[in-house]
Amino acid sequence: MPDTFSVPFQQVLDRITPHLPPYLRKIEPVHGRVRFEFAPFTGHEKQPVKPQSYYDDPQLNYVPESEDQAEHRIRTIARDVLDDLYQQASKRWQDAAYVAELRRVVRDAPERWRAYEREAKALEAAYAYLRTAEAGREWPAAISRLVDAQDRTRAAADRFDERAAHIANAQYRHLYADLGHTQALTEAGYPEAKDWHVGDGFGGYFRDGLTAKVDRLIEEQEQHLAKVRRLSGTAH
């Protein structure tokens, strides 16, 4: 859109009024540009697009400047204003649609994440205990408790991934929304999601979720224990 208007704004407004959407609350010129105020989108509406009337309007058809300079100018500005309006509306709608989808797919993810955190802390404690003198006196039992903690942590991670896969796919589908992932989850009502390990979703596929992270941790723990056994020359 031009930085300044070369025609009265009222003339532009008269030209574009038939094509203004019902969700537009206010339109006004500000410093040579046009400011739009929209009613809040829920994300469940159809995506805003320019109406067919925009394309059919003979008052907006292209006119060469050499043919009619004044008409060329007003039509160009009118089309630019409408293009900007629907582009901004679409962006607002995309953000709202992103938040709406997250509200639908998150479900009990917060509870599942908290369950995982409890199991992860228990696993950390079971692993740390192996470094104590007391563990050496009950090594088989201590290792058995570690294995149980590993299994419970992995199961909790797998349950969280059931929700995380849908969240990650929503993030992929709304990749071009202005809202970032954390901000969108916050606006959906989940500010604690900044701490979640969601993984990556793309085209229905899911990878690098919480279960994969736990598997790597378990592998590191078992490699460490195997090294301790080898270096200490014990049967532990």
C-alpha atoms as a PDB file:
ATOM      1  CA  MET A   1       0.000   0.000   0.000  1.00  0.00           C
ATOM      2  CA  PRO A   2       1.323   3.491  -0.758  1.00  0.00           C
ATOM      3  CA  ASP A   3       2.848   5.350   2.186  1.00  0.00           C
ATOM      4  CA  THR A   4       0.544   8.294   1.553  1.00  0.00           C
ATOM      5  CA  PHE A   5      -2.843   8.588  -0.096  1.00  0.00           C
ATOM      6  CA  SER A   6      -2.967  10.542  -3.341  1.00  0.00           C
ATOM      7  CA  VAL A   7      -6.780  10.522  -3.300  1.00  0.00           C
ATOM      8  CA  PRO A   8      -9.230  11.315  -0.468  1.00  0.00           C
ATOM      9  CA  PHE A   9      -9.708   8.285   1.750  1.00  0.00           C
ATOM     10  CA  GLN A  10     -13.481   8.627   1.562  1.00  0.00           C
ATOM     11  CA  GLN A  11     -13.285   7.927  -2.165  1.00  0.00           C
ATOM     12  CA  VAL A  12     -11.324   4.762  -1.422  1.00  0.00           C
ATOM     13  CA  LEU A  13     -13.802   3.774   1.284  1.00  0.00           C
ATOM     14  CA  ASP A  14     -16.753   4.294  -1.023  1.00  0.00           C
ATOM     15  CA  ARG A  15     -15.110   2.062  -3.595  1.00  0.00           C
ATOM     16  CA  ILE A  16     -14.319  -0.815  -1.188  1.00  0.00           C
ATOM     17  CA  THR A  17     -17.401  -0.717   1.075  1.00  0.00           C
ATOM     18  CA  PRO A  18     -19.347  -3.359  -0.910  1.00  0.00           C
ATOM     19  CA  HIS A  19     -16.522  -5.827  -0.247  1.00  0.00           C
ATOM     20  CA  LEU A  20     -15.896  -5.244   3.450  1.00  0.00           C
ATOM     21  CA  PRO A  21     -16.416  -8.308   5.674  1.00  0.00           C
ATOM     22  CA  PRO A  22     -18.928  -8.443   8.550  1.00  0.00           C
ATOM     23  CA  TYR A  23     -16.155  -9.059  11.120  1.00  0.00           C
ATOM     24  CA  LEU A  24     -14.567  -5.673  10.360  1.00  0.00           C
ATOM     25  CA  ARG A  25     -15.314  -3.344  13.266  1.00  0.00           C
ATOM     26  CA  LYS A  26     -13.367  -0.268  12.241  1.00  0.00           C
ATOM     27  CA  ILE A  27     -11.358   1.017   9.310  1.00  0.00           C
ATOM     28  CA  GLU A  28      -9.492   4.305   9.390  1.00  0.00           C
ATOM     29  CA  PRO A  29      -6.478   5.983   7.794  1.00  0.00           C
ATOM     30  CA  VAL A  30      -3.463   6.445  10.071  1.00  0.00           C
ATOM     31  CA  HIS A  31      -0.318   8.161   8.825  1.00  0.00           C
ATOM     32  CA  GLY A  32      -0.927   7.304   5.208  1.00  0.00           C
ATOM     33  CA  ARG A  33      -1.909   3.700   5.884  1.00  0.00           C
ATOM     34  CA  VAL A  34      -5.145   2.031   6.878  1.00  0.00           C
ATOM     35  CA  ARG A  35      -5.752   0.536  10.304  1.00  0.00           C
ATOM     36  CA  PHE A  36      -8.247  -2.286  10.683  1.00  0.00           C
ATOM     37  CA  GLU A  37     -10.010  -3.489  13.811  1.00  0.00           C
ATOM     38  CA  PHE A  38     -11.567  -6.939  13.656  1.00  0.00           C
ATOM     39  CA  ALA A  39     -14.033  -8.764  15.863  1.00  0.00           C
ATOM     40  CA  PRO A  40     -12.220 -11.594  17.697  1.00  0.00           C
ATOM     41  CA  PHE A  41     -11.921 -14.802  15.701  1.00  0.00           C
ATOM     42  CA  THR A  42     -12.645 -18.155  17.327  1.00  0.00           C
ATOM     43  CA  GLY A  43     -10.689 -20.134  14.746  1.00  0.00           C
ATOM     44  CA  HIS A  44     -13.782 -22.166  13.870  1.00  0.00           C
ATOM     45  CA  GLU A  45     -14.913 -19.788  11.112  1.00  0.00           C
ATOM     46  CA  LYS A  46     -13.925 -20.235   7.506  1.00  0.00           C
ATOM     47  CA  GLN A  47     -10.596 -18.642   6.704  1.00  0.00           C
ATOM     48  CA  PRO A  48     -11.061 -15.023   5.579  1.00  0.00           C
ATOM     49  CA  VAL A  49     -10.647 -14.592   1.825  1.00  0.00           C
ATOM     50  CA  LYS A  50     -11.565 -11.856  -0.576  1.00  0.00           C
ATOM     51  CA  PRO A  51     -15.160 -12.325  -1.758  1.00  0.00           C
ATOM     52  CA  GLN A  52     -16.038 -13.077  -5.334  1.00  0.00           C
ATOM     53  CA  SER A  53     -17.618  -9.628  -5.534  1.00  0.00           C
ATOM     54  CA  TYR A  54     -14.100  -8.187  -5.295  1.00  0.00           C
ATOM     55  CA  TYR A  55     -13.122  -9.901  -8.521  1.00  0.00           C
ATOM     56  CA  ASP A  56     -16.413  -9.164 -10.267  1.00  0.00           C
ATOM     57  CA  ASP A  57     -16.583  -5.463  -9.415  1.00  0.00           C
ATOM     58  CA  PRO A  58     -16.077  -3.385 -12.605  1.00  0.00           C
ATOM     59  CA  GLN A  59     -15.139  -0.458 -10.364  1.00  0.00           C
ATOM     60  CA  LEU A  60     -12.002  -2.328  -9.298  1.00  0.00           C
ATOM     61  CA  ASN A  61     -10.882  -3.654 -12.650  1.00  0.00           C
ATOM     62  CA  TYR A  62      -7.454  -2.564 -13.783  1.00  0.00           C
ATOM     63  CA  VAL A  63      -7.291   0.648 -15.759  1.00  0.00           C
ATOM     64  CA  PRO A  64      -3.967   1.713 -17.307  1.00  0.00           C
ATOM     65  CA  GLU A  65      -2.607   4.985 -16.001  1.00  0.00           C
ATOM     66  CA  SER A  66      -2.223   6.198 -19.562  1.00  0.00           C
ATOM     67  CA  GLU A  67      -5.942   5.713 -20.111  1.00  0.00           C
ATOM     68  CA  ASP A  68      -7.271   7.345 -16.932  1.00  0.00           C
ATOM     69  CA  GLN A  69      -4.751   8.522 -14.359  1.00  0.00           C
ATOM     70  CA  ALA A  70      -7.252   9.342 -11.593  1.00  0.00           C
ATOM     71  CA  GLU A  71      -9.177   6.113 -11.972  1.00  0.00           C
ATOM     72  CA  HIS A  72      -5.948   4.104 -12.146  1.00  0.00           C
ATOM     73  CA  ARG A  73      -4.806   5.660  -8.872  1.00  0.00           C
ATOM     74  CA  ILE A  74      -8.008   5.110  -6.888  1.00  0.00           C
ATOM     75  CA  ARG A  75      -8.466   1.547  -8.102  1.00  0.00           C
ATOM     76  CA  THR A  76      -4.884   0.657  -7.276  1.00  0.00           C
ATOM     77  CA  ILE A  77      -5.198   2.051  -3.768  1.00  0.00           C
ATOM     78  CA  ALA A  78      -8.603   0.415  -3.241  1.00  0.00           C
ATOM     79  CA  ARG A  79      -7.280  -2.998  -4.262  1.00  0.00           C
ATOM     80  CA  ASP A  80      -4.222  -2.567  -2.038  1.00  0.00           C
ATOM     81  CA  VAL A  81      -6.391  -1.668   0.943  1.00  0.00           C
ATOM     82  CA  LEU A  82      -8.621  -4.693   0.429  1.00  0.00           C
ATOM     83  CA  ASP A  83      -5.623  -6.968  -0.096  1.00  0.00           C
ATOM     84  CA  ASP A  84      -4.093  -5.717   3.141  1.00  0.00           C
ATOM     85  CA  LEU A  85      -7.385  -6.088   5.018  1.00  0.00           C
ATOM     86  CA  TYR A  86      -7.930  -9.700   4.053  1.00  0.00           C
ATOM     87  CA  GLN A  87      -4.289 -10.581   4.587  1.00  0.00           C
ATOM     88  CA  GLN A  88      -4.376  -9.186   8.122  1.00  0.00           C
ATOM     89  CA  ALA A  89      -7.712 -10.874   8.830  1.00  0.00           C
ATOM     90  CA  SER A  90      -6.335 -14.183   7.592  1.00  0.00           C
ATOM     91  CA  LYS A  91      -3.329 -13.859   9.883  1.00  0.00           C
ATOM     92  CA  ARG A  92      -5.554 -13.166  12.879  1.00  0.00           C
ATOM     93  CA  TRP A  93      -7.728 -16.119  11.961  1.00  0.00           C
ATOM     94  CA  GLN A  94      -4.706 -18.419  11.565  1.00  0.00           C
ATOM     95  CA  ASP A  95      -3.582 -17.587  15.088  1.00  0.00           C
ATOM     96  CA  ALA A  96      -7.087 -18.208  16.435  1.00  0.00           C
ATOM     97  CA  ALA A  97      -7.366 -21.497  14.519  1.00  0.00           C
ATOM     98  CA  TYR A  98      -4.008 -22.616  15.929  1.00  0.00           C
ATOM     99  CA  VAL A  99      -5.114 -21.890  19.495  1.00  0.00           C
ATOM    100  CA  ALA A 100      -8.486 -23.562  18.907  1.00  0.00           C
ATOM    101  CA  GLU A 101      -6.857 -26.739  17.624  1.00  0.00           C
ATOM    102  CA  LEU A 102      -4.480 -26.858  20.577  1.00  0.00           C
ATOM    103  CA  ARG A 103      -7.412 -26.550  22.975  1.00  0.00           C
ATOM    104  CA  ARG A 104      -8.957 -29.532  21.227  1.00  0.00           C
ATOM    105  CA  VAL A 105      -5.905 -31.834  21.182  1.00  0.00           C
ATOM    106  CA  VAL A 106      -4.103 -31.065  24.469  1.00  0.00           C
ATOM    107  CA  ARG A 107      -6.817 -32.690  26.603  1.00  0.00           C
ATOM    108  CA  ASP A 108      -5.155 -34.327  29.647  1.00  0.00           C
ATOM    109  CA  ALA A 109      -1.574 -33.673  28.535  1.00  0.00           C
ATOM    110  CA  PRO A 110      -0.850 -31.599  31.688  1.00  0.00           C
ATOM    111  CA  GLU A 111      -1.788 -34.522  33.956  1.00  0.00           C
ATOM    112  CA  ARG A 112       0.229 -36.935  31.828  1.00  0.00           C
ATOM    113  CA  TRP A 113       3.239 -34.634  31.960  1.00  0.00           C
ATOM    114  CA  ARG A 114       3.006 -34.358  35.749  1.00  0.00           C
ATOM    115  CA  ALA A 115       2.815 -38.157  35.986  1.00  0.00           C
ATOM    116  CA  TYR A 116       5.949 -38.396  33.865  1.00  0.00           C
ATOM    117  CA  GLU A 117       7.761 -35.865  36.042  1.00  0.00           C
ATOM    118  CA  ARG A 118       6.976 -37.897  39.174  1.00  0.00           C
ATOM    119  CA  GLU A 119       8.338 -41.061  37.590  1.00  0.00           C
ATOM    120  CA  ALA A 120      11.384 -39.250  36.214  1.00  0.00           C
ATOM    121  CA  LYS A 121      12.250 -37.959  39.689  1.00  0.00           C
ATOM    122  CA  ALA A 122      11.866 -41.446  41.111  1.00  0.00           C
ATOM    123  CA  LEU A 123      14.166 -42.767  38.384  1.00  0.00           C
ATOM    124  CA  GLU A 124      16.737 -40.090  39.140  1.00  0.00           C
ATOM    125  CA  ALA A 125      16.650 -41.017  42.818  1.00  0.00           C
ATOM    126  CA  ALA A 126      16.967 -44.758  42.081  1.00  0.00           C
ATOM    127  CA  TYR A 127      19.959 -44.138  39.843  1.00  0.00           C
ATOM    128  CA  ALA A 128      21.615 -41.779  42.327  1.00  0.00           C
ATOM    129  CA  TYR A 129      21.182 -44.364  45.087  1.00  0.00           C
ATOM    130  CA  LEU A 130      23.479 -46.766  43.206  1.00  0.00           C
ATOM    131  CA  ARG A 131      26.393 -44.448  44.028  1.00  0.00           C
ATOM    132  CA  THR A 132      25.924 -44.893  47.764  1.00  0.00           C
ATOM    133  CA  ALA A 133      27.593 -47.425  50.024  1.00  0.00           C
ATOM    134  CA  GLU A 134      24.212 -48.749  51.051  1.00  0.00           C
ATOM    135  CA  ALA A 135      23.475 -49.778  47.449  1.00  0.00           C
ATOM    136  CA  GLY A 136      26.565 -51.986  47.402  1.00  0.00           C
ATOM    137  CA  ARG A 137      25.141 -54.068  50.228  1.00  0.00           C
ATOM    138  CA  GLU A 138      21.900 -54.760  48.324  1.00  0.00           C
ATOM    139  CA  TRP A 139      23.036 -54.397  44.747  1.00  0.00           C
ATOM    140  CA  PRO A 140      20.598 -56.825  43.052  1.00  0.00           C
ATOM    141  CA  ALA A 141      17.627 -55.241  44.820  1.00  0.00           C
ATOM    142  CA  ALA A 142      18.863 -51.721  44.039  1.00  0.00           C
ATOM    143  CA  ILE A 143      19.290 -52.607  40.363  1.00  0.00           C
ATOM    144  CA  SER A 144      15.839 -54.187  40.317  1.00  0.00           C
ATOM    145  CA  ARG A 145      14.318 -50.980  41.684  1.00  0.00           C
ATOM    146  CA  LEU A 146      16.191 -49.011  39.021  1.00  0.00           C
ATOM    147  CA  VAL A 147      14.777 -51.233  36.273  1.00  0.00           C
ATOM    148  CA  ASP A 148      11.277 -50.814  37.691  1.00  0.00           C
ATOM    149  CA  ALA A 149      11.768 -47.032  37.754  1.00  0.00           C
ATOM    150  CA  GLN A 150      13.024 -47.096  34.176  1.00  0.00           C
ATOM    151  CA  ASP A 151       9.974 -49.058  33.046  1.00  0.00           C
ATOM    152  CA  ARG A 152       7.547 -46.755  34.850  1.00  0.00           C
ATOM    153  CA  THR A 153       9.242 -43.645  33.461  1.00  0.00           C
ATOM    154  CA  ARG A 154       9.176 -44.981  29.936  1.00  0.00           C
ATOM    155  CA  ALA A 155       5.510 -45.929  30.252  1.00  0.00           C
ATOM    156  CA  ALA A 156       4.652 -42.435  31.529  1.00  0.00           C
ATOM    157  CA  ALA A 157       6.629 -40.892  28.672  1.00  0.00           C
ATOM    158  CA  ASP A 158       4.804 -43.068  26.166  1.00  0.00           C
ATOM    159  CA  ARG A 159       1.445 -41.946  27.576  1.00  0.00           C
ATOM    160  CA  PHE A 160       2.467 -38.300  27.277  1.00  0.00           C
ATOM    161  CA  ASP A 161       3.638 -38.869  23.702  1.00  0.00           C
ATOM    162  CA  GLU A 162       0.097 -39.951  22.798  1.00  0.00           C
ATOM    163  CA  ARG A 163      -0.938 -36.338  23.392  1.00  0.00           C
ATOM    164  CA  ALA A 164       2.346 -34.774  22.283  1.00  0.00           C
ATOM    165  CA  ALA A 165       2.014 -36.313  18.817  1.00  0.00           C
ATOM    166  CA  HIS A 166      -1.243 -34.433  18.264  1.00  0.00           C
ATOM    167  CA  ILE A 167       0.244 -31.219  19.658  1.00  0.00           C
ATOM    168  CA  ALA A 168       3.304 -31.535  17.430  1.00  0.00           C
ATOM    169  CA  ASN A 169       1.153 -32.168  14.355  1.00  0.00           C
ATOM    170  CA  ALA A 170      -0.936 -29.099  15.213  1.00  0.00           C
ATOM    171  CA  GLN A 171       2.252 -27.086  15.438  1.00  0.00           C
ATOM    172  CA  TYR A 172       3.296 -28.355  12.030  1.00  0.00           C
ATOM    173  CA  ARG A 173      -0.075 -27.568  10.455  1.00  0.00           C
ATOM    174  CA  HIS A 174       0.099 -24.017  11.809  1.00  0.00           C
ATOM    175  CA  LEU A 175       3.774 -23.535  11.066  1.00  0.00           C
ATOM    176  CA  TYR A 176       3.144 -20.213   9.342  1.00  0.00           C
ATOM    177  CA  ALA A 177       0.962 -18.699  12.054  1.00  0.00           C
ATOM    178  CA  ASP A 178       2.425 -15.606  13.680  1.00  0.00           C
ATOM    179  CA  LEU A 179       2.117 -17.229  17.103  1.00  0.00           C
ATOM    180  CA  GLY A 180       5.085 -19.283  18.249  1.00  0.00           C
ATOM    181  CA  HIS A 181       4.489 -22.715  19.775  1.00  0.00           C
ATOM    182  CA  THR A 182       4.887 -21.641  23.391  1.00  0.00           C
ATOM    183  CA  GLN A 183       2.782 -18.520  22.936  1.00  0.00           C
ATOM    184  CA  ALA A 184       0.017 -20.476  21.217  1.00  0.00           C
ATOM    185  CA  LEU A 185      -0.087 -23.035  24.030  1.00  0.00           C
ATOM    186  CA  THR A 186      -0.140 -20.220  26.583  1.00  0.00           C
ATOM    187  CA  GLU A 187      -3.067 -18.568  24.818  1.00  0.00           C
ATOM    188  CA  ALA A 188      -4.797 -21.945  24.715  1.00  0.00           C
ATOM    189  CA  GLY A 189      -4.574 -21.991  28.524  1.00  0.00           C
ATOM    190  CA  TYR A 190      -1.401 -24.030  29.084  1.00  0.00           C
ATOM    191  CA  PRO A 191       1.456 -21.701  30.137  1.00  0.00           C
ATOM    192  CA  GLU A 192       3.180 -24.664  31.809  1.00  0.00           C
ATOM    193  CA  ALA A 193       3.669 -26.198  28.355  1.00  0.00           C
ATOM    194  CA  LYS A 194       6.909 -24.238  28.026  1.00  0.00           C
ATOM    195  CA  ASP A 195       8.486 -27.108  30.014  1.00  0.00           C
ATOM    196  CA  TRP A 196       6.983 -29.924  27.970  1.00  0.00           C
ATOM    197  CA  HIS A 197       9.074 -32.070  25.647  1.00  0.00           C
ATOM    198  CA  VAL A 198       6.695 -32.267  22.690  1.00  0.00           C
ATOM    199  CA  GLY A 199       8.863 -33.601  19.868  1.00  0.00           C
ATOM    200  CA  ASP A 200       8.381 -32.903  16.169  1.00  0.00           C
ATOM    201  CA  GLY A 201       5.388 -33.618  13.979  1.00  0.00           C
ATOM    202  CA  PHE A 202       5.207 -33.322  10.219  1.00  0.00           C
ATOM    203  CA  GLY A 203       2.646 -34.675   7.790  1.00  0.00           C
ATOM    204  CA  GLY A 204       1.234 -37.101  10.346  1.00  0.00           C
ATOM    205  CA  TYR A 205       4.649 -38.405  11.420  1.00  0.00           C
ATOM    206  CA  PHE A 206       6.073 -37.951  14.915  1.00  0.00           C
ATOM    207  CA  ARG A 207       9.661 -38.146  16.098  1.00  0.00           C
ATOM    208  CA  ASP A 208      12.002 -37.142  18.925  1.00  0.00           C
ATOM    209  CA  GLY A 209       9.247 -37.429  21.507  1.00  0.00           C
ATOM    210  CA  LEU A 210       9.590 -37.944  25.220  1.00  0.00           C
ATOM    211  CA  THR A 211       9.842 -41.723  24.926  1.00  0.00           C
ATOM    212  CA  ALA A 212      12.877 -41.375  22.677  1.00  0.00           C
ATOM    213  CA  LYS A 213      14.448 -39.041  25.231  1.00  0.00           C
ATOM    214  CA  VAL A 214      13.855 -41.535  28.048  1.00  0.00           C
ATOM    215  CA  ASP A 215      15.253 -44.371  25.926  1.00  0.00           C
ATOM    216  CA  ARG A 216      18.465 -42.402  25.473  1.00  0.00           C
ATOM    217  CA  LEU A 217      18.653 -41.773  29.214  1.00  0.00           C
ATOM    218  CA  ILE A 218      18.130 -45.438  30.022  1.00  0.00           C
ATOM    219  CA  GLU A 219      20.789 -46.424  27.506  1.00  0.00           C
ATOM    220  CA  GLU A 220      23.242 -43.984  29.108  1.00  0.00           C
ATOM    221  CA  GLN A 221      22.490 -45.393  32.557  1.00  0.00           C
ATOM    222  CA  GLU A 222      22.996 -48.975  31.422  1.00  0.00           C
ATOM    223  CA  GLN A 223      26.216 -48.132  29.596  1.00  0.00           C
ATOM    224  CA  HIS A 224      27.519 -46.458  32.756  1.00  0.00           C
ATOM    225  CA  LEU A 225      26.612 -49.457  34.909  1.00  0.00           C
ATOM    226  CA  ALA A 226      28.265 -51.821  32.437  1.00  0.00           C
ATOM    227  CA  LYS A 227      31.434 -49.713  32.549  1.00  0.00           C
ATOM    228  CA  VAL A 228      31.393 -49.722  36.357  1.00  0.00           C
ATOM    229  CA  ARG A 229      31.129 -53.514  36.350  1.00  0.00           C
ATOM    230  CA  ARG A 230      33.988 -53.807  33.871  1.00  0.00           C
ATOM    231  CA  LEU A 231      36.322 -51.400  35.623  1.00  0.00           C
ATOM    232  CA  SER A 232      35.575 -52.643  39.123  1.00  0.00           C
ATOM    233  CA  GLY A 233      35.877 -56.288  38.156  1.00  0.00           C
ATOM    234  CA  THR A 234      32.773 -57.137  40.118  1.00  0.00           C
ATOM    235  CA  ALA A 235      29.818 -59.282  39.252  1.00  0.00           C
ATOM    236  CA  HIS A 236      27.419 -56.422  40.007  1.00  0.00           C
END
